[in-house]
Amino acid sequence: MGEKKCDTIPLINPSPSSSTQGTASKLQTIGNIIVSIVGTGVLGLPFAFRVAGWLAGSIGVVITGLATFYCMLLLIQCREKLASEEELKETTTYGDLGCRCMGKPGGYLTEFLIFISQCGGSVAYLVFIGQNLASLFKLHGLTIASYIFLLVPIEIALSWIRSLSAFAPFSIFADVCNLLVMAFVVKEDVQQAVGGNFSFRDRKAFTDGSVLFRGVRNDTGP
């Protein structure tokens, strides 16, 4: 009796029978990878360090980086193992990989976790972009919630674009913008440090979350 094949729900390829060979160039792939891993979320690291403390923030970044690197190595090892067993053509998604490792429950769990992760990231970016638009266009009288609801149809329309090659020019442009913004932030920090406007001795290694509470209170009012 032959082994029962797992159901496939491709995330990128339109069908399991499609070729797994990509069409993006190396530059386009690098642009997509950088913007997906770094993104504008890196601009929130200074505030995260302020809330957690310089030591707690450093430890958190190191642990997260090591965990991400280890998981990346696991994915590479899984791919090499499947390639050596000549089963790579039937494994086109992360769900397929989970199915190979733990059966159908593993495949469903993998797809569910990816779904939750992507939904959480989308919601976070909607709030982030909404806040920036609200601060940029203060005179138009729209609230943050209004900007978020205006962004939702755009997000839905973009989700129908299935080609990463089509996103590559926008990803590269976003990478350049992120680099310029980070340069401005670092320049401002260096100027304040050289000018003596703040001292690193005033920074705590660990905080109790009061900084975050004060920030939320200032955003929401008294």
N, C-alpha and C. Protein backbone atom coordinates (compact mmCIF):
# COMPACT_ATOMS: atom_id res chain seq x y z
N MET A 1 0.85 -1.20 0.00
CA MET A 1 0.00 0.00 0.00
C MET A 1 0.88 1.24 0.00
N GLY A 2 0.66 2.12 -0.97
CA GLY A 2 1.53 3.28 -1.11
C GLY A 2 1.26 4.31 -0.05
N GLU A 3 2.25 5.20 0.13
CA GLU A 3 2.13 6.27 1.12
C GLU A 3 1.14 7.30 0.62
N LYS A 4 0.26 7.72 1.51
CA LYS A 4 -0.77 8.70 1.15
C LYS A 4 -0.14 10.07 1.04
N LYS A 5 -0.38 10.74 -0.07
CA LYS A 5 0.22 12.05 -0.28
C LYS A 5 -0.51 13.10 0.54
N CYS A 6 0.26 14.07 1.02
CA CYS A 6 -0.31 15.15 1.81
C CYS A 6 -0.93 16.20 0.90
N ASP A 7 -1.95 16.86 1.40
CA ASP A 7 -2.57 17.94 0.66
C ASP A 7 -1.60 19.11 0.58
N THR A 8 -1.61 19.79 -0.54
CA THR A 8 -0.73 20.93 -0.73
C THR A 8 -1.56 22.19 -0.89
N ILE A 9 -1.14 23.24 -0.20
CA ILE A 9 -1.77 24.55 -0.33
C ILE A 9 -0.66 25.54 -0.64
N PRO A 10 -0.26 25.66 -1.91
CA PRO A 10 0.91 26.46 -2.26
C PRO A 10 0.74 27.92 -1.85
N LEU A 11 1.81 28.50 -1.32
CA LEU A 11 1.80 29.91 -0.95
C LEU A 11 2.26 30.79 -2.10
N ILE A 12 3.11 30.26 -2.96
CA ILE A 12 3.66 31.05 -4.07
C ILE A 12 3.30 30.45 -5.41
N ASN A 13 3.56 29.16 -5.58
CA ASN A 13 3.29 28.51 -6.86
C ASN A 13 1.79 28.31 -7.03
N PRO A 14 1.23 28.57 -8.22
CA PRO A 14 -0.20 28.44 -8.42
C PRO A 14 -0.70 27.00 -8.33
N SER A 15 0.16 26.02 -8.55
CA SER A 15 -0.27 24.63 -8.47
C SER A 15 0.92 23.77 -8.10
N PRO A 16 0.67 22.60 -7.48
CA PRO A 16 1.78 21.74 -7.10
C PRO A 16 2.63 21.28 -8.27
N SER A 17 2.02 21.25 -9.47
CA SER A 17 2.76 20.77 -10.63
C SER A 17 3.63 21.84 -11.27
N SER A 18 3.51 23.10 -10.75
CA SER A 18 4.30 24.18 -11.35
C SER A 18 5.76 24.03 -11.00
N SER A 19 6.59 24.60 -11.82
CA SER A 19 8.02 24.55 -11.56
C SER A 19 8.37 25.42 -10.37
N THR A 20 9.31 24.95 -9.56
CA THR A 20 9.74 25.71 -8.40
C THR A 20 10.84 26.70 -8.74
N GLN A 21 11.24 26.74 -10.01
CA GLN A 21 12.28 27.66 -10.43
C GLN A 21 11.74 29.08 -10.45
N GLY A 22 12.37 29.99 -9.73
CA GLY A 22 11.91 31.36 -9.66
C GLY A 22 12.30 32.16 -10.88
N THR A 23 11.69 33.31 -11.05
CA THR A 23 11.97 34.19 -12.18
C THR A 23 12.70 35.45 -11.77
N ALA A 24 12.86 35.70 -10.46
CA ALA A 24 13.51 36.91 -10.00
C ALA A 24 15.03 36.78 -10.11
N SER A 25 15.67 37.91 -10.41
CA SER A 25 17.13 37.93 -10.48
C SER A 25 17.71 37.96 -9.07
N LYS A 26 19.04 37.88 -8.99
CA LYS A 26 19.68 37.90 -7.68
C LYS A 26 19.46 39.24 -6.98
N LEU A 27 19.54 40.33 -7.74
CA LEU A 27 19.31 41.65 -7.16
C LEU A 27 17.88 41.79 -6.66
N GLN A 28 16.92 41.32 -7.45
CA GLN A 28 15.52 41.38 -7.03
C GLN A 28 15.27 40.53 -5.79
N THR A 29 15.90 39.36 -5.75
CA THR A 29 15.74 38.49 -4.59
C THR A 29 16.32 39.12 -3.34
N ILE A 30 17.51 39.72 -3.46
CA ILE A 30 18.13 40.39 -2.31
C ILE A 30 17.26 41.55 -1.83
N GLY A 31 16.71 42.33 -2.78
CA GLY A 31 15.84 43.44 -2.41
C GLY A 31 14.61 42.97 -1.65
N ASN A 32 13.98 41.88 -2.10
CA ASN A 32 12.81 41.35 -1.42
C ASN A 32 13.15 40.79 -0.05
N ILE A 33 14.30 40.11 0.06
CA ILE A 33 14.69 39.51 1.33
C ILE A 33 14.98 40.60 2.37
N ILE A 34 15.71 41.64 1.98
CA ILE A 34 16.07 42.69 2.92
C ILE A 34 14.83 43.41 3.44
N VAL A 35 13.92 43.76 2.54
CA VAL A 35 12.74 44.51 2.98
C VAL A 35 11.80 43.64 3.81
N SER A 36 11.83 42.31 3.59
CA SER A 36 10.97 41.43 4.37
C SER A 36 11.54 41.15 5.75
N ILE A 37 12.88 41.16 5.87
CA ILE A 37 13.50 40.87 7.16
C ILE A 37 13.71 42.14 7.97
N VAL A 38 14.22 43.19 7.34
CA VAL A 38 14.52 44.43 8.07
C VAL A 38 13.26 45.29 8.16
N GLY A 39 12.86 45.87 7.03
CA GLY A 39 11.65 46.67 7.02
C GLY A 39 11.77 47.92 7.88
N THR A 40 10.65 48.65 8.01
CA THR A 40 10.63 49.85 8.82
C THR A 40 10.54 49.55 10.30
N GLY A 41 10.31 48.28 10.64
CA GLY A 41 10.25 47.93 12.06
C GLY A 41 11.54 48.18 12.79
N VAL A 42 12.67 48.22 12.05
CA VAL A 42 13.96 48.48 12.68
C VAL A 42 13.99 49.88 13.29
N LEU A 43 13.15 50.79 12.78
CA LEU A 43 13.12 52.14 13.32
C LEU A 43 12.49 52.17 14.72
N GLY A 44 11.78 51.09 15.09
CA GLY A 44 11.20 51.02 16.43
C GLY A 44 12.15 50.46 17.46
N LEU A 45 13.34 50.01 17.05
CA LEU A 45 14.30 49.44 17.99
C LEU A 45 14.76 50.45 19.06
N PRO A 46 15.01 51.71 18.71
CA PRO A 46 15.41 52.65 19.77
C PRO A 46 14.36 52.76 20.88
N PHE A 47 13.09 52.83 20.51
CA PHE A 47 12.04 52.90 21.53
C PHE A 47 11.96 51.60 22.31
N ALA A 48 12.15 50.47 21.62
CA ALA A 48 12.12 49.18 22.32
C ALA A 48 13.25 49.09 23.35
N PHE A 49 14.44 49.59 22.98
CA PHE A 49 15.56 49.61 23.92
C PHE A 49 15.26 50.55 25.09
N ARG A 50 14.59 51.64 24.80
CA ARG A 50 14.25 52.59 25.87
C ARG A 50 13.28 51.96 26.86
N VAL A 51 12.33 51.19 26.34
CA VAL A 51 11.34 50.55 27.20
C VAL A 51 11.96 49.41 28.00
N ALA A 52 12.75 48.57 27.33
CA ALA A 52 13.30 47.38 27.98
C ALA A 52 14.55 47.67 28.78
N GLY A 53 15.31 48.68 28.39
CA GLY A 53 16.62 48.91 28.99
C GLY A 53 17.71 48.45 28.04
N TRP A 54 18.90 49.07 28.15
CA TRP A 54 19.93 48.75 27.16
C TRP A 54 20.43 47.31 27.28
N LEU A 55 20.50 46.77 28.49
CA LEU A 55 20.97 45.40 28.64
C LEU A 55 19.89 44.40 28.23
N ALA A 56 18.67 44.62 28.70
CA ALA A 56 17.57 43.72 28.34
C ALA A 56 17.31 43.77 26.83
N GLY A 57 17.38 44.96 26.24
CA GLY A 57 17.19 45.07 24.80
C GLY A 57 18.28 44.35 24.02
N SER A 58 19.53 44.48 24.47
CA SER A 58 20.65 43.81 23.79
C SER A 58 20.51 42.30 23.87
N ILE A 59 20.16 41.80 25.06
CA ILE A 59 19.99 40.36 25.23
C ILE A 59 18.84 39.85 24.35
N GLY A 60 17.75 40.60 24.30
CA GLY A 60 16.61 40.20 23.48
C GLY A 60 16.95 40.15 22.00
N VAL A 61 17.70 41.13 21.51
CA VAL A 61 18.09 41.16 20.09
C VAL A 61 19.01 39.98 19.77
N VAL A 62 19.97 39.70 20.66
CA VAL A 62 20.90 38.60 20.42
C VAL A 62 20.16 37.26 20.40
N ILE A 63 19.26 37.04 21.39
CA ILE A 63 18.51 35.78 21.44
C ILE A 63 17.63 35.61 20.21
N THR A 64 16.95 36.70 19.81
CA THR A 64 16.09 36.63 18.63
C THR A 64 16.90 36.37 17.37
N GLY A 65 18.06 37.01 17.24
CA GLY A 65 18.90 36.80 16.07
C GLY A 65 19.43 35.38 16.00
N LEU A 66 19.86 34.83 17.14
CA LEU A 66 20.36 33.46 17.15
C LEU A 66 19.25 32.45 16.82
N ALA A 67 18.06 32.68 17.38
CA ALA A 67 16.93 31.78 17.10
C ALA A 67 16.56 31.82 15.63
N THR A 68 16.54 33.02 15.05
CA THR A 68 16.23 33.15 13.62
C THR A 68 17.27 32.47 12.76
N PHE A 69 18.55 32.66 13.10
CA PHE A 69 19.63 32.03 12.35
C PHE A 69 19.56 30.51 12.45
N TYR A 70 19.26 30.00 13.64
CA TYR A 70 19.16 28.55 13.82
C TYR A 70 18.00 27.97 13.01
N CYS A 71 16.88 28.65 13.03
CA CYS A 71 15.72 28.17 12.25
C CYS A 71 16.02 28.21 10.76
N MET A 72 16.77 29.20 10.32
CA MET A 72 17.14 29.28 8.90
C MET A 72 18.02 28.09 8.52
N LEU A 73 18.96 27.73 9.40
CA LEU A 73 19.80 26.57 9.13
C LEU A 73 18.98 25.28 9.09
N LEU A 74 17.97 25.18 9.95
CA LEU A 74 17.10 24.00 9.94
C LEU A 74 16.36 23.89 8.60
N LEU A 75 15.88 25.01 8.07
CA LEU A 75 15.19 24.99 6.79
C LEU A 75 16.12 24.54 5.67
N ILE A 76 17.37 25.03 5.71
CA ILE A 76 18.34 24.63 4.70
C ILE A 76 18.63 23.13 4.79
N GLN A 77 18.76 22.62 6.02
CA GLN A 77 19.01 21.19 6.20
C GLN A 77 17.83 20.36 5.70
N CYS A 78 16.62 20.84 5.96
CA CYS A 78 15.44 20.12 5.47
C CYS A 78 15.42 20.08 3.95
N ARG A 79 15.75 21.22 3.34
CA ARG A 79 15.76 21.26 1.87
C ARG A 79 16.80 20.30 1.31
N GLU A 80 18.01 20.29 1.90
CA GLU A 80 19.06 19.41 1.41
C GLU A 80 18.69 17.94 1.58
N LYS A 81 18.03 17.63 2.67
CA LYS A 81 17.61 16.24 2.90
C LYS A 81 16.57 15.81 1.88
N LEU A 82 15.59 16.69 1.63
CA LEU A 82 14.56 16.37 0.64
C LEU A 82 15.16 16.27 -0.76
N ALA A 83 16.14 17.14 -1.06
CA ALA A 83 16.77 17.09 -2.37
C ALA A 83 17.54 15.79 -2.56
N SER A 84 18.17 15.34 -1.48
CA SER A 84 18.92 14.09 -1.57
C SER A 84 18.00 12.89 -1.73
N GLU A 85 16.76 13.01 -1.27
CA GLU A 85 15.80 11.93 -1.40
C GLU A 85 14.93 12.06 -2.64
N GLU A 86 15.24 13.08 -3.46
CA GLU A 86 14.52 13.32 -4.72
C GLU A 86 13.03 13.52 -4.47
N GLU A 87 12.69 14.21 -3.38
CA GLU A 87 11.29 14.50 -3.07
C GLU A 87 11.02 16.00 -3.06
N LEU A 88 12.01 16.79 -3.49
CA LEU A 88 11.88 18.24 -3.42
C LEU A 88 10.79 18.76 -4.35
N LYS A 89 10.57 18.10 -5.49
CA LYS A 89 9.58 18.59 -6.45
C LYS A 89 8.17 18.56 -5.88
N GLU A 90 7.92 17.65 -4.95
CA GLU A 90 6.59 17.56 -4.36
C GLU A 90 6.46 18.41 -3.10
N THR A 91 7.52 19.08 -2.70
CA THR A 91 7.51 19.90 -1.50
C THR A 91 7.75 21.34 -1.92
N THR A 92 6.70 22.11 -2.11
CA THR A 92 6.80 23.46 -2.64
C THR A 92 6.47 24.53 -1.62
N THR A 93 5.92 24.19 -0.47
CA THR A 93 5.54 25.17 0.53
C THR A 93 6.03 24.74 1.90
N TYR A 94 5.96 25.66 2.85
CA TYR A 94 6.30 25.32 4.23
C TYR A 94 5.31 24.30 4.80
N GLY A 95 4.06 24.39 4.35
CA GLY A 95 3.07 23.41 4.78
C GLY A 95 3.43 22.01 4.34
N ASP A 96 3.93 21.90 3.10
CA ASP A 96 4.38 20.59 2.61
C ASP A 96 5.54 20.07 3.45
N LEU A 97 6.43 20.98 3.84
CA LEU A 97 7.57 20.58 4.65
C LEU A 97 7.12 20.09 6.02
N GLY A 98 6.16 20.81 6.63
CA GLY A 98 5.61 20.35 7.90
C GLY A 98 4.88 19.04 7.77
N CYS A 99 4.25 18.84 6.62
CA CYS A 99 3.54 17.59 6.37
C CYS A 99 4.53 16.43 6.24
N ARG A 100 5.66 16.70 5.60
CA ARG A 100 6.68 15.66 5.48
C ARG A 100 7.25 15.25 6.84
N CYS A 101 7.37 16.23 7.72
CA CYS A 101 8.00 15.97 9.02
C CYS A 101 7.04 15.34 10.02
N MET A 102 5.79 15.84 10.07
CA MET A 102 4.86 15.42 11.12
C MET A 102 3.51 14.97 10.59
N GLY A 103 3.41 14.72 9.29
CA GLY A 103 2.15 14.28 8.73
C GLY A 103 1.19 15.44 8.52
N LYS A 104 -0.07 15.11 8.26
CA LYS A 104 -1.06 16.14 7.99
C LYS A 104 -1.23 17.14 9.14
N PRO A 105 -1.25 16.67 10.42
CA PRO A 105 -1.35 17.66 11.50
C PRO A 105 -0.22 18.68 11.48
N GLY A 106 1.00 18.22 11.15
CA GLY A 106 2.12 19.14 11.05
C GLY A 106 1.95 20.13 9.92
N GLY A 107 1.40 19.67 8.79
CA GLY A 107 1.15 20.57 7.67
C GLY A 107 0.12 21.62 8.00
N TYR A 108 -1.00 21.20 8.63
CA TYR A 108 -2.04 22.15 9.01
C TYR A 108 -1.52 23.14 10.06
N LEU A 109 -0.74 22.63 11.02
CA LEU A 109 -0.19 23.51 12.06
C LEU A 109 0.75 24.54 11.46
N THR A 110 1.58 24.11 10.51
CA THR A 110 2.50 25.03 9.87
C THR A 110 1.76 26.13 9.11
N GLU A 111 0.76 25.74 8.34
CA GLU A 111 -0.03 26.72 7.60
C GLU A 111 -0.74 27.68 8.54
N PHE A 112 -1.27 27.15 9.65
CA PHE A 112 -1.99 27.99 10.61
C PHE A 112 -1.04 29.00 11.26
N LEU A 113 0.15 28.54 11.65
CA LEU A 113 1.11 29.44 12.28
C LEU A 113 1.57 30.53 11.31
N ILE A 114 1.77 30.16 10.05
CA ILE A 114 2.14 31.16 9.04
C ILE A 114 1.02 32.17 8.88
N PHE A 115 -0.21 31.69 8.86
CA PHE A 115 -1.37 32.58 8.72
C PHE A 115 -1.44 33.57 9.87
N ILE A 116 -1.28 33.09 11.10
CA ILE A 116 -1.33 33.96 12.27
C ILE A 116 -0.18 34.96 12.24
N SER A 117 1.01 34.50 11.87
CA SER A 117 2.17 35.38 11.81
C SER A 117 1.97 36.49 10.79
N GLN A 118 1.48 36.15 9.60
CA GLN A 118 1.28 37.16 8.56
C GLN A 118 0.16 38.12 8.93
N CYS A 119 -0.89 37.63 9.56
CA CYS A 119 -1.98 38.51 10.00
C CYS A 119 -1.47 39.49 11.05
N GLY A 120 -0.69 38.98 12.01
CA GLY A 120 -0.14 39.87 13.03
C GLY A 120 0.77 40.93 12.45
N GLY A 121 1.64 40.53 11.51
CA GLY A 121 2.51 41.51 10.86
C GLY A 121 1.74 42.54 10.06
N SER A 122 0.68 42.10 9.36
CA SER A 122 -0.13 43.03 8.58
C SER A 122 -0.84 44.04 9.47
N VAL A 123 -1.40 43.58 10.58
CA VAL A 123 -2.09 44.48 11.50
C VAL A 123 -1.11 45.48 12.10
N ALA A 124 0.08 45.00 12.49
CA ALA A 124 1.08 45.90 13.07
C ALA A 124 1.49 46.98 12.08
N TYR A 125 1.68 46.60 10.82
CA TYR A 125 2.08 47.59 9.82
C TYR A 125 0.93 48.53 9.47
N LEU A 126 -0.29 48.04 9.50
CA LEU A 126 -1.43 48.93 9.27
C LEU A 126 -1.50 50.02 10.34
N VAL A 127 -1.31 49.63 11.59
CA VAL A 127 -1.30 50.60 12.68
C VAL A 127 -0.13 51.56 12.53
N PHE A 128 1.04 51.01 12.20
CA PHE A 128 2.25 51.83 12.05
C PHE A 128 2.07 52.86 10.93
N ILE A 129 1.59 52.40 9.77
CA ILE A 129 1.40 53.32 8.64
C ILE A 129 0.29 54.32 8.94
N GLY A 130 -0.79 53.85 9.58
CA GLY A 130 -1.88 54.75 9.95
C GLY A 130 -1.42 55.86 10.87
N GLN A 131 -0.60 55.54 11.85
CA GLN A 131 -0.07 56.55 12.77
C GLN A 131 0.80 57.56 12.03
N ASN A 132 1.62 57.08 11.11
CA ASN A 132 2.48 58.00 10.37
C ASN A 132 1.68 58.91 9.44
N LEU A 133 0.67 58.36 8.78
CA LEU A 133 -0.17 59.18 7.91
C LEU A 133 -0.95 60.21 8.72
N ALA A 134 -1.44 59.81 9.90
CA ALA A 134 -2.19 60.73 10.74
C ALA A 134 -1.30 61.88 11.24
N SER A 135 -0.04 61.58 11.54
CA SER A 135 0.87 62.63 11.99
C SER A 135 1.33 63.51 10.83
N LEU A 136 1.34 62.95 9.61
CA LEU A 136 1.78 63.70 8.45
C LEU A 136 0.69 64.63 7.93
N PHE A 137 -0.56 64.15 7.95
CA PHE A 137 -1.69 64.95 7.45
C PHE A 137 -2.61 65.32 8.61
N LYS A 138 -2.09 66.09 9.54
CA LYS A 138 -2.87 66.44 10.74
C LYS A 138 -4.04 67.35 10.43
N LEU A 139 -3.89 68.18 9.40
CA LEU A 139 -4.91 69.19 9.12
C LEU A 139 -6.14 68.64 8.40
N HIS A 140 -6.13 67.40 7.99
CA HIS A 140 -7.25 66.85 7.24
C HIS A 140 -8.35 66.30 8.14
N GLY A 141 -8.11 66.22 9.42
CA GLY A 141 -9.16 65.84 10.36
C GLY A 141 -9.49 64.36 10.40
N LEU A 142 -8.67 63.51 9.79
CA LEU A 142 -8.92 62.07 9.81
C LEU A 142 -8.19 61.44 10.99
N THR A 143 -8.83 60.45 11.61
CA THR A 143 -8.23 59.76 12.74
C THR A 143 -7.33 58.63 12.23
N ILE A 144 -6.59 58.03 13.17
CA ILE A 144 -5.73 56.90 12.81
C ILE A 144 -6.57 55.75 12.29
N ALA A 145 -7.72 55.50 12.92
CA ALA A 145 -8.60 54.42 12.47
C ALA A 145 -9.08 54.65 11.04
N SER A 146 -9.33 55.90 10.67
CA SER A 146 -9.78 56.20 9.31
C SER A 146 -8.71 55.87 8.29
N TYR A 147 -7.47 56.22 8.60
CA TYR A 147 -6.38 55.90 7.68
C TYR A 147 -6.19 54.39 7.57
N ILE A 148 -6.35 53.69 8.68
CA ILE A 148 -6.19 52.23 8.64
C ILE A 148 -7.25 51.60 7.74
N PHE A 149 -8.50 52.05 7.86
CA PHE A 149 -9.56 51.49 7.02
C PHE A 149 -9.36 51.86 5.55
N LEU A 150 -8.72 53.00 5.28
CA LEU A 150 -8.42 53.37 3.90
C LEU A 150 -7.29 52.50 3.33
N LEU A 151 -6.42 52.01 4.21
CA LEU A 151 -5.31 51.19 3.76
C LEU A 151 -5.70 49.74 3.51
N VAL A 152 -6.76 49.27 4.16
CA VAL A 152 -7.15 47.86 4.04
C VAL A 152 -7.43 47.46 2.59
N PRO A 153 -8.22 48.23 1.81
CA PRO A 153 -8.43 47.83 0.40
C PRO A 153 -7.14 47.77 -0.39
N ILE A 154 -6.18 48.65 -0.10
CA ILE A 154 -4.90 48.62 -0.80
C ILE A 154 -4.14 47.34 -0.46
N GLU A 155 -4.18 46.95 0.82
CA GLU A 155 -3.52 45.70 1.24
C GLU A 155 -4.15 44.50 0.53
N ILE A 156 -5.46 44.49 0.45
CA ILE A 156 -6.15 43.37 -0.20
C ILE A 156 -5.79 43.31 -1.69
N ALA A 157 -5.74 44.48 -2.35
CA ALA A 157 -5.38 44.51 -3.77
C ALA A 157 -3.95 44.02 -3.99
N LEU A 158 -3.03 44.42 -3.12
CA LEU A 158 -1.64 44.00 -3.26
C LEU A 158 -1.48 42.50 -3.04
N SER A 159 -2.36 41.92 -2.22
CA SER A 159 -2.24 40.48 -1.94
C SER A 159 -2.54 39.63 -3.17
N TRP A 160 -3.18 40.19 -4.18
CA TRP A 160 -3.48 39.43 -5.39
C TRP A 160 -2.30 39.38 -6.35
N ILE A 161 -1.27 40.16 -6.10
CA ILE A 161 -0.07 40.10 -6.94
C ILE A 161 0.77 38.92 -6.48
N ARG A 162 0.91 37.92 -7.32
CA ARG A 162 1.57 36.67 -6.94
C ARG A 162 3.03 36.60 -7.35
N SER A 163 3.53 37.60 -8.05
CA SER A 163 4.89 37.57 -8.56
C SER A 163 5.79 38.42 -7.67
N LEU A 164 6.83 37.80 -7.09
CA LEU A 164 7.80 38.55 -6.31
C LEU A 164 8.66 39.45 -7.19
N SER A 165 8.81 39.09 -8.45
CA SER A 165 9.58 39.93 -9.37
C SER A 165 8.91 41.29 -9.55
N ALA A 166 7.58 41.30 -9.54
CA ALA A 166 6.86 42.57 -9.71
C ALA A 166 7.04 43.47 -8.49
N PHE A 167 7.23 42.87 -7.31
CA PHE A 167 7.42 43.65 -6.09
C PHE A 167 8.85 44.14 -5.94
N ALA A 168 9.78 43.55 -6.67
CA ALA A 168 11.20 43.84 -6.46
C ALA A 168 11.55 45.32 -6.59
N PRO A 169 11.09 46.05 -7.62
CA PRO A 169 11.44 47.49 -7.68
C PRO A 169 10.96 48.27 -6.47
N PHE A 170 9.76 47.96 -5.98
CA PHE A 170 9.25 48.65 -4.80
C PHE A 170 10.05 48.25 -3.55
N SER A 171 10.48 46.99 -3.50
CA SER A 171 11.27 46.53 -2.36
C SER A 171 12.63 47.23 -2.33
N ILE A 172 13.26 47.35 -3.49
CA ILE A 172 14.56 48.02 -3.55
C ILE A 172 14.41 49.50 -3.19
N PHE A 173 13.35 50.13 -3.68
CA PHE A 173 13.09 51.54 -3.32
C PHE A 173 12.86 51.67 -1.82
N ALA A 174 12.12 50.71 -1.23
CA ALA A 174 11.89 50.74 0.21
C ALA A 174 13.19 50.53 0.98
N ASP A 175 14.08 49.68 0.47
CA ASP A 175 15.38 49.47 1.12
C ASP A 175 16.19 50.76 1.15
N VAL A 176 16.18 51.48 0.04
CA VAL A 176 16.92 52.75 -0.02
C VAL A 176 16.32 53.76 0.96
N CYS A 177 14.99 53.83 1.02
CA CYS A 177 14.34 54.74 1.96
C CYS A 177 14.67 54.38 3.41
N ASN A 178 14.63 53.09 3.72
CA ASN A 178 14.98 52.65 5.08
C ASN A 178 16.41 53.03 5.43
N LEU A 179 17.31 52.87 4.47
CA LEU A 179 18.71 53.21 4.71
C LEU A 179 18.87 54.70 4.97
N LEU A 180 18.17 55.54 4.20
CA LEU A 180 18.26 56.98 4.40
C LEU A 180 17.68 57.40 5.74
N VAL A 181 16.53 56.80 6.11
CA VAL A 181 15.90 57.15 7.39
C VAL A 181 16.79 56.74 8.55
N MET A 182 17.37 55.53 8.47
CA MET A 182 18.27 55.08 9.55
C MET A 182 19.50 55.99 9.64
N ALA A 183 19.97 56.49 8.49
CA ALA A 183 21.11 57.40 8.51
C ALA A 183 20.74 58.70 9.22
N PHE A 184 19.53 59.20 8.99
CA PHE A 184 19.08 60.41 9.67
C PHE A 184 18.97 60.19 11.18
N VAL A 185 18.44 59.02 11.56
CA VAL A 185 18.29 58.71 12.99
C VAL A 185 19.65 58.62 13.67
N VAL A 186 20.58 57.90 13.03
CA VAL A 186 21.92 57.76 13.61
C VAL A 186 22.61 59.12 13.68
N LYS A 187 22.45 59.94 12.65
CA LYS A 187 23.05 61.28 12.65
C LYS A 187 22.52 62.10 13.81
N GLU A 188 21.22 62.05 14.04
CA GLU A 188 20.62 62.81 15.15
C GLU A 188 21.12 62.30 16.49
N ASP A 189 21.22 60.99 16.64
CA ASP A 189 21.71 60.41 17.90
C ASP A 189 23.16 60.82 18.17
N VAL A 190 23.99 60.77 17.12
CA VAL A 190 25.40 61.13 17.29
C VAL A 190 25.53 62.60 17.65
N GLN A 191 24.73 63.46 17.01
CA GLN A 191 24.79 64.88 17.31
C GLN A 191 24.38 65.16 18.76
N GLN A 192 23.34 64.47 19.24
CA GLN A 192 22.92 64.67 20.63
C GLN A 192 23.97 64.14 21.60
N ALA A 193 24.59 63.01 21.26
CA ALA A 193 25.61 62.45 22.15
C ALA A 193 26.83 63.35 22.20
N VAL A 194 27.28 63.87 21.05
CA VAL A 194 28.44 64.75 21.01
C VAL A 194 28.13 66.07 21.69
N GLY A 195 26.91 66.57 21.50
CA GLY A 195 26.52 67.85 22.09
C GLY A 195 26.24 67.78 23.58
N GLY A 196 26.21 66.58 24.14
CA GLY A 196 25.98 66.44 25.57
C GLY A 196 24.54 66.62 25.98
N ASN A 197 23.59 66.45 25.05
CA ASN A 197 22.18 66.61 25.39
C ASN A 197 21.64 65.46 26.24
N PHE A 198 22.30 64.32 26.20
CA PHE A 198 21.92 63.22 27.08
C PHE A 198 23.17 62.39 27.40
N SER A 199 23.07 61.66 28.48
CA SER A 199 24.20 60.85 28.92
C SER A 199 23.80 59.39 28.92
N PHE A 200 24.72 58.54 28.49
CA PHE A 200 24.44 57.11 28.49
C PHE A 200 24.34 56.56 29.91
N ARG A 201 24.88 57.29 30.87
CA ARG A 201 24.79 56.84 32.26
C ARG A 201 23.36 56.91 32.78
N ASP A 202 22.52 57.73 32.15
CA ASP A 202 21.13 57.83 32.58
C ASP A 202 20.28 56.68 32.08
N ARG A 203 20.81 55.89 31.17
CA ARG A 203 20.05 54.77 30.61
C ARG A 203 20.12 53.58 31.55
N LYS A 204 18.99 52.96 31.81
CA LYS A 204 18.93 51.82 32.71
C LYS A 204 19.16 50.51 31.95
N ALA A 205 19.74 49.54 32.66
CA ALA A 205 19.95 48.23 32.06
C ALA A 205 18.63 47.49 31.93
N PHE A 206 17.76 47.61 32.93
CA PHE A 206 16.44 47.00 32.92
C PHE A 206 15.44 48.04 33.41
N THR A 207 14.25 48.05 32.81
CA THR A 207 13.21 48.96 33.25
C THR A 207 11.99 48.17 33.68
N ASP A 208 11.10 48.84 34.40
CA ASP A 208 9.91 48.17 34.92
C ASP A 208 8.67 48.39 34.06
N GLY A 209 8.85 48.98 32.88
CA GLY A 209 7.72 49.21 31.99
C GLY A 209 7.04 50.54 32.19
N SER A 210 7.52 51.37 33.12
CA SER A 210 6.89 52.66 33.37
C SER A 210 7.03 53.59 32.17
N VAL A 211 8.13 53.42 31.43
CA VAL A 211 8.33 54.25 30.24
C VAL A 211 7.25 53.97 29.21
N LEU A 212 6.94 52.68 29.03
CA LEU A 212 5.89 52.31 28.09
C LEU A 212 4.54 52.82 28.56
N PHE A 213 4.26 52.75 29.86
CA PHE A 213 2.99 53.22 30.39
C PHE A 213 2.83 54.72 30.15
N ARG A 214 3.91 55.48 30.37
CA ARG A 214 3.84 56.92 30.15
C ARG A 214 3.64 57.23 28.67
N GLY A 215 4.28 56.41 27.79
CA GLY A 215 4.10 56.65 26.37
C GLY A 215 2.68 56.39 25.91
N VAL A 216 2.07 55.31 26.43
CA VAL A 216 0.68 55.00 26.08
C VAL A 216 -0.25 56.07 26.62
N ARG A 217 0.04 56.54 27.83
CA ARG A 217 -0.81 57.56 28.42
C ARG A 217 -0.75 58.86 27.65
N ASN A 218 0.46 59.22 27.17
CA ASN A 218 0.59 60.44 26.39
C ASN A 218 -0.13 60.34 25.06
N ASP A 219 -0.19 59.12 24.48
CA ASP A 219 -0.87 58.93 23.20
C ASP A 219 -2.38 58.94 23.34
N THR A 220 -2.88 58.40 24.44
CA THR A 220 -4.32 58.26 24.61
C THR A 220 -4.93 59.39 25.42
N GLY A 221 -4.10 60.22 26.01
CA GLY A 221 -4.63 61.32 26.82
C GLY A 221 -4.66 60.95 28.28
N PRO A 222 -5.05 61.89 29.17
CA PRO A 222 -5.04 61.65 30.61
C PRO A 222 -6.11 60.65 31.03
